[in-house]
């Protein structure tokens, strides 16, 4: 639809997304677009939708998602024992 939003409906749902945009906006207003860096350059040249897409692609994964599940103690002991016997 012409004139409609270019970003999906839940783009503002992420608190980190909004917080990072507000930080970028504040730096651009108070210190100038040059000090705001590549984020400001992306918004100026490609638009806010491109910045949102780029930010989402580069945003760090939450710690709870990237942390591997701990091995159960029994399996850990078996692995360590196998390693010890292999070195003997």
N, C-alpha and C. Protein backbone atom coordinates (compact mmCIF):
# COMPACT_ATOMS: atom_id res chain seq x y z
N UNK A 1 0.85 -1.17 0.00
CA UNK A 1 0.00 0.00 0.00
C UNK A 1 0.89 1.23 0.00
N UNK A 2 0.68 2.17 -0.93
CA UNK A 2 1.49 3.38 -0.97
C UNK A 2 1.33 4.19 0.30
N UNK A 3 2.44 4.67 0.79
CA UNK A 3 2.41 5.50 1.99
C UNK A 3 2.26 4.73 3.27
N UNK A 4 2.15 3.40 3.16
CA UNK A 4 2.01 2.56 4.35
C UNK A 4 3.35 2.28 4.99
N UNK A 5 3.33 1.58 6.10
CA UNK A 5 4.59 1.27 6.78
C UNK A 5 5.46 0.34 5.93
N UNK A 6 6.76 0.58 5.96
CA UNK A 6 7.71 -0.24 5.22
C UNK A 6 8.32 -1.31 6.10
N UNK A 7 8.03 -1.27 7.38
CA UNK A 7 8.58 -2.22 8.34
C UNK A 7 7.43 -3.04 8.86
N UNK A 8 7.68 -4.33 9.14
CA UNK A 8 6.61 -5.18 9.63
C UNK A 8 6.04 -4.66 10.94
N UNK A 9 4.85 -5.11 11.25
CA UNK A 9 4.07 -4.59 12.38
C UNK A 9 4.80 -4.66 13.72
N UNK A 10 5.54 -5.73 13.97
CA UNK A 10 6.15 -5.90 15.29
C UNK A 10 7.55 -5.31 15.38
N UNK A 11 7.93 -4.43 14.44
CA UNK A 11 9.28 -3.86 14.44
C UNK A 11 9.58 -3.10 15.72
N UNK A 12 8.58 -2.44 16.29
CA UNK A 12 8.81 -1.68 17.51
C UNK A 12 8.63 -2.49 18.77
N UNK A 13 8.34 -3.79 18.63
CA UNK A 13 8.08 -4.63 19.80
C UNK A 13 9.34 -4.86 20.62
N UNK A 14 10.48 -4.84 20.00
CA UNK A 14 11.73 -5.10 20.71
C UNK A 14 12.20 -3.86 21.44
N UNK A 15 12.33 -3.97 22.76
CA UNK A 15 12.81 -2.84 23.55
C UNK A 15 14.23 -2.44 23.17
N UNK A 16 15.07 -3.43 22.82
CA UNK A 16 16.45 -3.14 22.42
C UNK A 16 16.48 -2.36 21.11
N UNK A 17 15.60 -2.72 20.20
CA UNK A 17 15.55 -2.03 18.91
C UNK A 17 15.20 -0.57 19.12
N UNK A 18 14.18 -0.31 19.91
CA UNK A 18 13.76 1.06 20.18
C UNK A 18 14.86 1.81 20.93
N UNK A 19 15.45 1.17 21.92
CA UNK A 19 16.51 1.82 22.71
C UNK A 19 17.71 2.18 21.84
N UNK A 20 18.10 1.29 20.95
CA UNK A 20 19.24 1.57 20.06
C UNK A 20 18.91 2.67 19.07
N UNK A 21 17.70 2.68 18.57
CA UNK A 21 17.31 3.76 17.66
C UNK A 21 17.34 5.10 18.40
N UNK A 22 16.79 5.13 19.61
CA UNK A 22 16.76 6.38 20.37
C UNK A 22 18.17 6.86 20.69
N UNK A 23 19.07 5.95 20.99
CA UNK A 23 20.47 6.32 21.24
C UNK A 23 21.09 6.90 19.98
N UNK A 24 20.88 6.24 18.86
CA UNK A 24 21.41 6.73 17.59
C UNK A 24 20.84 8.11 17.26
N UNK A 25 19.56 8.28 17.47
CA UNK A 25 18.89 9.57 17.18
C UNK A 25 19.45 10.67 18.07
N UNK A 26 19.64 10.37 19.35
CA UNK A 26 20.18 11.35 20.29
C UNK A 26 21.59 11.78 19.90
N UNK A 27 22.43 10.81 19.55
CA UNK A 27 23.80 11.14 19.13
C UNK A 27 23.77 11.98 17.86
N UNK A 28 22.92 11.60 16.90
CA UNK A 28 22.85 12.35 15.64
C UNK A 28 22.39 13.78 15.87
N UNK A 29 21.45 13.98 16.80
CA UNK A 29 20.92 15.33 17.06
C UNK A 29 21.93 16.17 17.84
N UNK A 30 22.55 15.57 18.87
CA UNK A 30 23.44 16.35 19.73
C UNK A 30 24.85 16.51 19.18
N UNK A 31 25.35 15.47 18.48
CA UNK A 31 26.74 15.51 18.03
C UNK A 31 26.90 15.52 16.52
N UNK A 32 25.81 15.33 15.80
CA UNK A 32 25.86 15.31 14.34
C UNK A 32 25.84 13.90 13.78
N UNK A 33 25.39 13.80 12.55
CA UNK A 33 25.24 12.50 11.90
C UNK A 33 26.59 11.79 11.72
N UNK A 34 27.66 12.57 11.54
CA UNK A 34 28.97 11.95 11.37
C UNK A 34 29.37 11.18 12.61
N UNK A 35 29.10 11.72 13.79
CA UNK A 35 29.43 11.04 15.06
C UNK A 35 28.50 9.85 15.31
N UNK A 36 27.32 9.84 14.70
CA UNK A 36 26.38 8.74 14.89
C UNK A 36 26.82 7.50 14.12
N UNK A 37 27.71 7.66 13.17
CA UNK A 37 28.34 6.52 12.51
C UNK A 37 27.53 5.88 11.40
N UNK A 38 27.81 4.60 11.18
CA UNK A 38 27.24 3.89 10.06
C UNK A 38 25.73 3.70 10.18
N UNK A 39 25.23 3.63 11.40
CA UNK A 39 23.79 3.50 11.58
C UNK A 39 23.05 4.69 11.00
N UNK A 40 23.56 5.88 11.29
CA UNK A 40 22.94 7.09 10.75
C UNK A 40 23.09 7.14 9.23
N UNK A 41 24.24 6.73 8.73
CA UNK A 41 24.46 6.72 7.29
C UNK A 41 23.48 5.76 6.61
N UNK A 42 23.23 4.63 7.22
CA UNK A 42 22.29 3.67 6.65
C UNK A 42 20.88 4.23 6.62
N UNK A 43 20.48 4.90 7.70
CA UNK A 43 19.14 5.50 7.74
C UNK A 43 19.01 6.58 6.67
N UNK A 44 20.03 7.42 6.54
CA UNK A 44 19.97 8.52 5.56
C UNK A 44 19.95 7.99 4.13
N UNK A 45 20.75 6.97 3.83
CA UNK A 45 20.86 6.50 2.45
C UNK A 45 19.82 5.46 2.06
N UNK A 46 19.47 4.56 2.99
CA UNK A 46 18.58 3.45 2.64
C UNK A 46 17.24 3.49 3.37
N UNK A 47 17.15 4.29 4.43
CA UNK A 47 15.88 4.40 5.14
C UNK A 47 15.86 3.61 6.45
N UNK A 48 14.86 3.93 7.24
CA UNK A 48 14.74 3.30 8.56
C UNK A 48 14.48 1.81 8.46
N UNK A 49 13.72 1.38 7.47
CA UNK A 49 13.43 -0.06 7.32
C UNK A 49 14.72 -0.85 7.12
N UNK A 50 15.66 -0.30 6.34
CA UNK A 50 16.95 -0.98 6.13
C UNK A 50 17.75 -1.03 7.42
N UNK A 51 17.69 0.04 8.22
CA UNK A 51 18.40 0.05 9.49
C UNK A 51 17.83 -1.02 10.42
N UNK A 52 16.50 -1.12 10.48
CA UNK A 52 15.86 -2.13 11.33
C UNK A 52 16.28 -3.53 10.90
N UNK A 53 16.27 -3.78 9.61
CA UNK A 53 16.67 -5.09 9.09
C UNK A 53 18.12 -5.39 9.42
N UNK A 54 18.99 -4.41 9.24
CA UNK A 54 20.40 -4.59 9.56
C UNK A 54 20.64 -4.78 11.04
N UNK A 55 19.93 -4.02 11.86
CA UNK A 55 20.10 -4.14 13.30
C UNK A 55 19.68 -5.51 13.76
N UNK A 56 18.56 -5.99 13.25
CA UNK A 56 18.10 -7.33 13.64
C UNK A 56 19.08 -8.40 13.22
N UNK A 57 19.68 -8.23 12.05
CA UNK A 57 20.63 -9.24 11.57
C UNK A 57 21.90 -9.27 12.41
N UNK A 58 22.28 -8.12 12.97
CA UNK A 58 23.53 -8.04 13.73
C UNK A 58 23.34 -8.04 15.24
N UNK A 59 22.11 -8.02 15.70
CA UNK A 59 21.86 -7.98 17.14
C UNK A 59 22.38 -9.25 17.80
N UNK A 60 23.00 -9.12 18.97
CA UNK A 60 23.51 -10.31 19.64
C UNK A 60 22.37 -11.25 20.05
N UNK A 61 22.69 -12.53 20.02
CA UNK A 61 21.72 -13.54 20.44
C UNK A 61 21.67 -13.54 21.97
N UNK A 62 20.49 -13.59 22.55
CA UNK A 62 20.41 -13.63 24.02
C UNK A 62 21.23 -14.77 24.60
N UNK A 63 21.83 -14.55 25.73
CA UNK A 63 22.71 -15.54 26.36
C UNK A 63 22.02 -16.88 26.55
N UNK A 64 20.76 -16.86 26.93
CA UNK A 64 20.04 -18.10 27.19
C UNK A 64 19.89 -18.94 25.92
N UNK A 65 19.92 -18.31 24.76
CA UNK A 65 19.76 -19.04 23.50
C UNK A 65 21.08 -19.63 23.05
N UNK A 66 22.17 -18.90 23.20
CA UNK A 66 23.43 -19.38 22.65
C UNK A 66 24.20 -20.30 23.59
N UNK A 67 23.82 -20.36 24.86
CA UNK A 67 24.54 -21.22 25.79
C UNK A 67 24.15 -22.67 25.56
N UNK A 68 25.13 -23.55 25.35
CA UNK A 68 24.79 -24.96 25.16
C UNK A 68 24.28 -25.57 26.47
N UNK A 69 23.47 -26.57 26.31
CA UNK A 69 22.96 -27.26 27.49
C UNK A 69 24.12 -28.03 28.14
N UNK A 70 24.17 -28.01 29.44
CA UNK A 70 25.22 -28.73 30.16
C UNK A 70 24.99 -30.23 30.04
N UNK A 71 26.09 -30.95 29.88
CA UNK A 71 25.99 -32.40 29.79
C UNK A 71 25.61 -32.97 31.16
N UNK A 72 24.79 -33.98 31.17
CA UNK A 72 24.47 -34.61 32.45
C UNK A 72 25.75 -35.15 33.09
N UNK A 73 25.84 -35.12 34.41
CA UNK A 73 27.08 -35.54 35.08
C UNK A 73 27.56 -36.92 34.66
N UNK A 74 26.68 -37.87 34.49
CA UNK A 74 27.09 -39.23 34.11
C UNK A 74 27.78 -39.25 32.76
N UNK A 75 27.22 -38.54 31.79
CA UNK A 75 27.83 -38.49 30.46
C UNK A 75 29.18 -37.78 30.50
N UNK A 76 29.29 -36.76 31.30
CA UNK A 76 30.54 -36.03 31.42
C UNK A 76 31.64 -36.92 31.98
N UNK A 77 31.31 -37.69 32.99
CA UNK A 77 32.28 -38.62 33.59
C UNK A 77 32.70 -39.66 32.56
N UNK A 78 31.76 -40.18 31.77
CA UNK A 78 32.08 -41.18 30.74
C UNK A 78 33.03 -40.59 29.70
N UNK A 79 32.78 -39.35 29.29
CA UNK A 79 33.64 -38.72 28.29
C UNK A 79 35.04 -38.50 28.86
N UNK A 80 35.12 -37.99 30.07
CA UNK A 80 36.44 -37.77 30.68
C UNK A 80 37.19 -39.07 30.89
N UNK A 81 36.50 -40.12 31.28
CA UNK A 81 37.14 -41.42 31.46
C UNK A 81 37.65 -41.96 30.14
N UNK A 82 36.86 -41.82 29.08
CA UNK A 82 37.28 -42.29 27.76
C UNK A 82 38.51 -41.53 27.28
N UNK A 83 38.54 -40.23 27.55
CA UNK A 83 39.71 -39.43 27.17
C UNK A 83 40.95 -39.87 27.95
N UNK A 84 40.78 -40.13 29.24
CA UNK A 84 41.91 -40.56 30.06
C UNK A 84 42.45 -41.90 29.60
N UNK A 85 41.55 -42.85 29.29
CA UNK A 85 42.01 -44.16 28.82
C UNK A 85 42.68 -44.07 27.45
N UNK A 86 42.22 -43.15 26.61
CA UNK A 86 42.80 -42.99 25.29
C UNK A 86 44.22 -42.43 25.38
N UNK A 87 44.51 -41.65 26.40
CA UNK A 87 45.83 -41.05 26.57
C UNK A 87 46.81 -41.99 27.27
N UNK A 88 46.30 -43.01 27.92
CA UNK A 88 47.17 -43.91 28.72
C UNK A 88 47.93 -44.89 27.86
